C-alpha atoms as a PDB file:
ATOM      1  CA  MET A   1       7.516   9.226  11.740  1.00  0.00           C
ATOM      2  CA  ASP A   2       4.347  10.853  12.976  1.00  0.00           C
ATOM      3  CA  ASP A   3       3.417  10.660  16.669  1.00  0.00           C
ATOM      4  CA  PHE A   4       1.277   7.554  16.204  1.00  0.00           C
ATOM      5  CA  THR A   5       3.891   5.497  14.378  1.00  0.00           C
ATOM      6  CA  ALA A   6       6.672   6.742  16.650  1.00  0.00           C
ATOM      7  CA  MET A   7       4.734   5.702  19.713  1.00  0.00           C
ATOM      8  CA  VAL A   8       3.515   2.348  18.398  1.00  0.00           C
ATOM      9  CA  PHE A   9       6.483   1.172  16.332  1.00  0.00           C
ATOM     10  CA  SER A  10       9.446   2.592  18.286  1.00  0.00           C
ATOM     11  CA  GLY A  11      10.360  -0.820  19.716  1.00  0.00           C
ATOM     12  CA  ALA A  12       9.264  -2.861  16.721  1.00  0.00           C
ATOM     13  CA  GLU A  13      11.632  -5.295  15.031  1.00  0.00           C
ATOM     14  CA  PRO A  14      13.438  -3.826  11.990  1.00  0.00           C
ATOM     15  CA  MET A  15      13.447  -5.818   8.764  1.00  0.00           C
ATOM     16  CA  GLU A  16      14.749  -5.369   5.198  1.00  0.00           C
ATOM     17  CA  LEU A  17      13.706  -7.072   1.965  1.00  0.00           C
ATOM     18  CA  PRO A  18      14.984  -6.677  -1.609  1.00  0.00           C
ATOM     19  CA  SER A  19      12.914  -5.693  -4.618  1.00  0.00           C
ATOM     20  CA  GLY A  20      10.935  -8.647  -5.956  1.00  0.00           C
ATOM     21  CA  ALA A  21      10.728 -10.447  -2.611  1.00  0.00           C
ATOM     22  CA  TYR A  22       7.443 -11.227  -0.872  1.00  0.00           C
ATOM     23  CA  LEU A  23       6.765 -10.187   2.722  1.00  0.00           C
ATOM     24  CA  PHE A  24       3.744 -12.493   2.928  1.00  0.00           C
ATOM     25  CA  HIS A  25       1.270 -14.335   0.729  1.00  0.00           C
ATOM     26  CA  ALA A  26      -2.506 -14.628   0.656  1.00  0.00           C
ATOM     27  CA  GLN A  27      -3.736 -17.113   3.254  1.00  0.00           C
ATOM     28  CA  ASP A  28      -0.645 -16.696   5.478  1.00  0.00           C
ATOM     29  CA  LYS A  29      -1.605 -16.224   9.109  1.00  0.00           C
ATOM     30  CA  VAL A  30      -1.511 -12.566  10.224  1.00  0.00           C
ATOM     31  CA  ARG A  31       1.113 -12.371  12.944  1.00  0.00           C
ATOM     32  CA  PHE A  32       2.582  -8.887  12.504  1.00  0.00           C
ATOM     33  CA  VAL A  33       1.647  -5.303  11.699  1.00  0.00           C
ATOM     34  CA  HIS A  34       4.174  -3.675   9.343  1.00  0.00           C
ATOM     35  CA  LEU A  35       5.242  -0.028   9.058  1.00  0.00           C
ATOM     36  CA  ILE A  36       7.113   0.962   5.900  1.00  0.00           C
ATOM     37  CA  GLU A  37      10.154   3.126   6.694  1.00  0.00           C
ATOM     38  CA  ASP A  38      11.641   3.236   3.198  1.00  0.00           C
ATOM     39  CA  GLY A  39      10.881   1.602  -0.151  1.00  0.00           C
ATOM     40  CA  LYS A  40       7.600   0.373  -1.587  1.00  0.00           C
ATOM     41  CA  ILE A  41       5.408  -2.716  -1.293  1.00  0.00           C
ATOM     42  CA  CYS A  42       2.352  -3.581  -3.372  1.00  0.00           C
ATOM     43  CA  LEU A  43      -0.552  -5.532  -1.904  1.00  0.00           C
ATOM     44  CA  GLU A  44      -1.693  -7.506  -4.891  1.00  0.00           C
ATOM     45  CA  ARG A  45      -4.166 -10.182  -5.757  1.00  0.00           C
ATOM     46  CA  VAL A  46      -4.170 -12.420  -8.805  1.00  0.00           C
ATOM     47  CA  GLN A  47      -7.654 -12.515 -10.303  1.00  0.00           C
ATOM     48  CA  SER A  48      -9.187 -15.672 -11.808  1.00  0.00           C
ATOM     49  CA  THR A  49      -8.291 -14.261 -15.249  1.00  0.00           C
ATOM     50  CA  GLY A  50      -4.609 -14.125 -14.274  1.00  0.00           C
ATOM     51  CA  LYS A  51      -4.622 -10.328 -14.096  1.00  0.00           C
ATOM     52  CA  VAL A  52      -2.822  -8.846 -11.074  1.00  0.00           C
ATOM     53  CA  THR A  53      -4.566  -6.022  -9.195  1.00  0.00           C
ATOM     54  CA  CYS A  54      -2.694  -3.743  -6.786  1.00  0.00           C
ATOM     55  CA  PHE A  55      -4.866  -2.885  -3.771  1.00  0.00           C
ATOM     56  CA  GLN A  56      -2.315  -0.854  -1.825  1.00  0.00           C
ATOM     57  CA  ARG A  57       0.964   0.698  -2.808  1.00  0.00           C
ATOM     58  CA  ALA A  58       2.561   1.188   0.602  1.00  0.00           C
ATOM     59  CA  GLU A  59       5.356   3.713   0.962  1.00  0.00           C
ATOM     60  CA  GLN A  60       7.247   5.475   3.730  1.00  0.00           C
ATOM     61  CA  GLY A  61       5.006   6.017   6.756  1.00  0.00           C
ATOM     62  CA  ASP A  62       2.278   3.623   5.608  1.00  0.00           C
ATOM     63  CA  VAL A  63       1.022   0.699   7.654  1.00  0.00           C
ATOM     64  CA  LEU A  64       0.809  -2.217   5.232  1.00  0.00           C
ATOM     65  CA  ALA A  65      -2.446  -4.169   4.966  1.00  0.00           C
ATOM     66  CA  GLU A  66      -3.895  -2.287   7.927  1.00  0.00           C
ATOM     67  CA  ALA A  67      -7.252  -4.058   7.728  1.00  0.00           C
ATOM     68  CA  SER A  68      -5.421  -7.336   8.359  1.00  0.00           C
ATOM     69  CA  VAL A  69      -5.152  -6.337  12.003  1.00  0.00           C
ATOM     70  CA  TYR A  70      -8.754  -7.569  12.175  1.00  0.00           C
ATOM     71  CA  ALA A  71      -8.284 -10.751  10.125  1.00  0.00           C
ATOM     72  CA  ASP A  72      -6.839 -14.180  10.800  1.00  0.00           C
ATOM     73  CA  GLU A  73      -5.112 -14.462   7.425  1.00  0.00           C
ATOM     74  CA  TYR A  74      -3.985 -12.186   4.600  1.00  0.00           C
ATOM     75  CA  HIS A  75      -6.164 -11.825   1.508  1.00  0.00           C
ATOM     76  CA  CYS A  76      -3.355 -10.553  -0.763  1.00  0.00           C
ATOM     77  CA  ASP A  77       0.321 -11.055  -1.505  1.00  0.00           C
ATOM     78  CA  ALA A  78       2.762  -8.333  -0.404  1.00  0.00           C
ATOM     79  CA  ARG A  79       5.399  -7.916  -3.133  1.00  0.00           C
ATOM     80  CA  VAL A  80       8.353  -5.580  -2.645  1.00  0.00           C
ATOM     81  CA  LEU A  81       8.492  -3.028  -5.496  1.00  0.00           C
ATOM     82  CA  GLU A  82      11.603  -1.200  -4.263  1.00  0.00           C
ATOM     83  CA  ASP A  83      14.053  -2.438  -1.635  1.00  0.00           C
ATOM     84  CA  VAL A  84      12.183  -1.944   1.598  1.00  0.00           C
ATOM     85  CA  ARG A  85      13.074  -1.211   5.179  1.00  0.00           C
ATOM     86  CA  LEU A  86      10.242  -1.712   7.629  1.00  0.00           C
ATOM     87  CA  ARG A  87       9.384  -2.346  11.242  1.00  0.00           C
ATOM     88  CA  ARG A  88       7.137  -5.151  12.356  1.00  0.00           C
ATOM     89  CA  LEU A  89       5.209  -5.430  15.569  1.00  0.00           C
ATOM     90  CA  LYS A  90       3.381  -8.521  16.769  1.00  0.00           C
ATOM     91  CA  LYS A  91      -0.319  -8.201  16.000  1.00  0.00           C
ATOM     92  CA  ALA A  92      -1.192  -9.113  19.602  1.00  0.00           C
ATOM     93  CA  ASP A  93       1.047  -6.322  20.924  1.00  0.00           C
ATOM     94  CA  PHE A  94      -0.474  -3.833  18.478  1.00  0.00           C
ATOM     95  CA  THR A  95      -4.059  -4.649  19.428  1.00  0.00           C
ATOM     96  CA  SER A  96      -3.146  -4.549  23.117  1.00  0.00           C
ATOM     97  CA  LEU A  97      -1.776  -1.022  22.690  1.00  0.00           C
ATOM     98  CA  LEU A  98      -5.038   0.055  21.067  1.00  0.00           C
ATOM     99  CA  ARG A  99      -7.174  -1.535  23.782  1.00  0.00           C
ATOM    100  CA  ASN A 100      -5.174   0.150  26.534  1.00  0.00           C
ATOM    101  CA  ASP A 101      -4.895   3.642  25.048  1.00  0.00           C
ATOM    102  CA  PRO A 102      -8.100   5.316  23.779  1.00  0.00           C
ATOM    103  CA  ASN A 103      -6.103   8.143  22.154  1.00  0.00           C
ATOM    104  CA  LEU A 104      -4.063   5.644  20.125  1.00  0.00           C
ATOM    105  CA  ALA A 105      -7.248   3.802  19.189  1.00  0.00           C
ATOM    106  CA  GLU A 106      -8.853   7.037  17.979  1.00  0.00           C
ATOM    107  CA  THR A 107      -5.772   7.978  15.957  1.00  0.00           C
ATOM    108  CA  TRP A 108      -5.757   4.489  14.428  1.00  0.00           C
ATOM    109  CA  ALA A 109      -9.456   4.826  13.531  1.00  0.00           C
ATOM    110  CA  ALA A 110      -8.714   8.143  11.783  1.00  0.00           C
ATOM    111  CA  ARG A 111      -5.897   6.482   9.782  1.00  0.00           C
ATOM    112  CA  LEU A 112      -8.264   3.713   8.737  1.00  0.00           C
ATOM    113  CA  ALA A 113     -10.852   6.287   7.640  1.00  0.00           C
ATOM    114  CA  ARG A 114      -8.248   8.010   5.440  1.00  0.00           C
ATOM    115  CA  THR A 115      -7.407   4.621   3.940  1.00  0.00           C
ATOM    116  CA  VAL A 116     -11.073   4.068   3.064  1.00  0.00           C
ATOM    117  CA  GLN A 117     -11.141   7.497   1.385  1.00  0.00           C
ATOM    118  CA  THR A 118      -8.029   6.679  -0.649  1.00  0.00           C
ATOM    119  CA  THR A 119      -9.431   3.294  -1.634  1.00  0.00           C
ATOM    120  CA  ARG A 120     -12.630   4.922  -2.851  1.00  0.00           C
ATOM    121  CA  LEU A 121     -10.597   7.409  -4.896  1.00  0.00           C
ATOM    122  CA  VAL A 122      -8.611   4.609  -6.544  1.00  0.00           C
ATOM    123  CA  SER A 123     -11.855   2.784  -7.291  1.00  0.00           C
ATOM    124  CA  GLU A 124     -13.251   5.920  -8.891  1.00  0.00           C
ATOM    125  CA  ILE A 125     -10.070   6.437 -10.926  1.00  0.00           C
ATOM    126  CA  ARG A 126     -10.234   2.861 -12.205  1.00  0.00           C
ATOM    127  CA  SER A 127     -13.814   3.447 -13.372  1.00  0.00           C
ATOM    128  CA  PHE A 128     -12.682   6.039 -15.939  1.00  0.00           C
ATOM    129  CA  LYS A 129     -12.574   4.725 -19.494  1.00  0.00           C
ATOM    130  CA  THR A 130      -9.372   6.281 -20.844  1.00  0.00           C
ATOM    131  CA  VAL A 131      -5.814   6.031 -19.609  1.00  0.00           C
ATOM    132  CA  GLY A 132      -5.549   9.824 -19.874  1.00  0.00           C
ATOM    133  CA  ASP A 133      -8.568  10.351 -17.630  1.00  0.00           C
ATOM    134  CA  ARG A 134      -7.226   7.858 -15.085  1.00  0.00           C
ATOM    135  CA  LEU A 135      -3.799   9.494 -15.055  1.00  0.00           C
ATOM    136  CA  ASP A 136      -5.302  12.999 -14.765  1.00  0.00           C
ATOM    137  CA  ALA A 137      -7.420  11.940 -11.782  1.00  0.00           C
ATOM    138  CA  TRP A 138      -4.459  10.201 -10.134  1.00  0.00           C
ATOM    139  CA  LEU A 139      -2.191  13.235 -10.608  1.00  0.00           C
ATOM    140  CA  GLY A 140      -5.046  15.568  -9.583  1.00  0.00           C
ATOM    141  CA  ASP A 141      -5.025  13.957  -6.159  1.00  0.00           C
ATOM    142  CA  VAL A 142      -1.757  15.837  -5.507  1.00  0.00           C
ATOM    143  CA  ARG A 143       0.383  12.857  -6.420  1.00  0.00           C
ATOM    144  CA  GLU A 144       3.736  12.932  -8.137  1.00  0.00           C
ATOM    145  CA  LEU A 145       4.622  10.778 -11.075  1.00  0.00           C
ATOM    146  CA  PRO A 146       6.934   7.990  -9.837  1.00  0.00           C
ATOM    147  CA  SER A 147      10.417   7.569 -11.294  1.00  0.00           C
ATOM    148  CA  LYS A 148      10.517   6.086 -14.795  1.00  0.00           C
ATOM    149  CA  GLY A 149      11.588   2.699 -13.428  1.00  0.00           C
ATOM    150  CA  GLN A 150       8.359   2.504 -11.402  1.00  0.00           C
ATOM    151  CA  TRP A 151       5.873   3.425 -14.130  1.00  0.00           C
ATOM    152  CA  HIS A 152       4.849  -0.229 -14.481  1.00  0.00           C
ATOM    153  CA  SER A 153       3.725  -0.153 -10.818  1.00  0.00           C
ATOM    154  CA  LEU A 154       1.632   2.929 -11.511  1.00  0.00           C
ATOM    155  CA  ALA A 155       0.092   1.113 -14.476  1.00  0.00           C
ATOM    156  CA  HIS A 156      -0.970  -1.705 -12.158  1.00  0.00           C
ATOM    157  CA  GLU A 157      -2.433   0.782  -9.682  1.00  0.00           C
ATOM    158  CA  LEU A 158      -4.399   2.481 -12.470  1.00  0.00           C
ATOM    159  CA  ALA A 159      -5.427  -0.949 -13.833  1.00  0.00           C
ATOM    160  CA  VAL A 160      -4.025  -0.262 -17.306  1.00  0.00           C
ATOM    161  CA  SER A 161      -1.320  -2.006 -19.284  1.00  0.00           C
ATOM    162  CA  PRO A 162       2.196  -0.596 -18.876  1.00  0.00           C
ATOM    163  CA  GLU A 163       2.320  -0.013 -22.642  1.00  0.00           C
ATOM    164  CA  ALA A 164      -0.869   2.082 -22.576  1.00  0.00           C
ATOM    165  CA  LEU A 165       0.525   4.189 -19.736  1.00  0.00           C
ATOM    166  CA  TYR A 166       3.857   4.632 -21.551  1.00  0.00           C
ATOM    167  CA  ARG A 167       1.993   5.829 -24.685  1.00  0.00           C
ATOM    168  CA  GLU A 168      -0.019   8.315 -22.606  1.00  0.00           C
ATOM    169  CA  LEU A 169       3.111   9.639 -20.908  1.00  0.00           C
ATOM    170  CA  ALA A 170       4.874   9.930 -24.277  1.00  0.00           C
ATOM    171  CA  LYS A 171       1.960  12.022 -25.593  1.00  0.00           C
ATOM    172  CA  ARG A 172       2.509  14.323 -22.623  1.00  0.00           C
ATOM    173  CA  ARG A 173       6.264  14.351 -23.211  1.00  0.00           C
ATOM    174  CA  VAL A 174       7.030  13.263 -19.646  1.00  0.00           C
END
């Protein structure tokens, strides 16, 4: 844990969920702020076409759905990709900490800014026409290819079909 998460989440309630479970659904009331300690969760939204889009792939050290701190209800579902261990802190307690400690508030603002940067990068990656270009850009952001069992999650993040990603990886002999 970095200093921010250690300070904010040290007394937070631990929680575990298995792969495939949902932590929350769109339109649920936001009551907690969640820190991922181990495992992975995807913030996803089902589009009107039925296609599922992953908006955040939260991993160890990530605060899940961080913008929800400023919302009344969630706008996405949070589906567990890999068994997850997390800590949850009441939203009211989290916002109180920020109000009472300017240094924590500034650190939180910097984390949110990095999230905006990452979101913009993912948006740019998804604008590329070919699967190869999307994968190159994703890997070029100093990211490691996930384990073979998680390639379908990467496909969702890149907004390509799993089959198209598998073909691209096969061409590269990964």
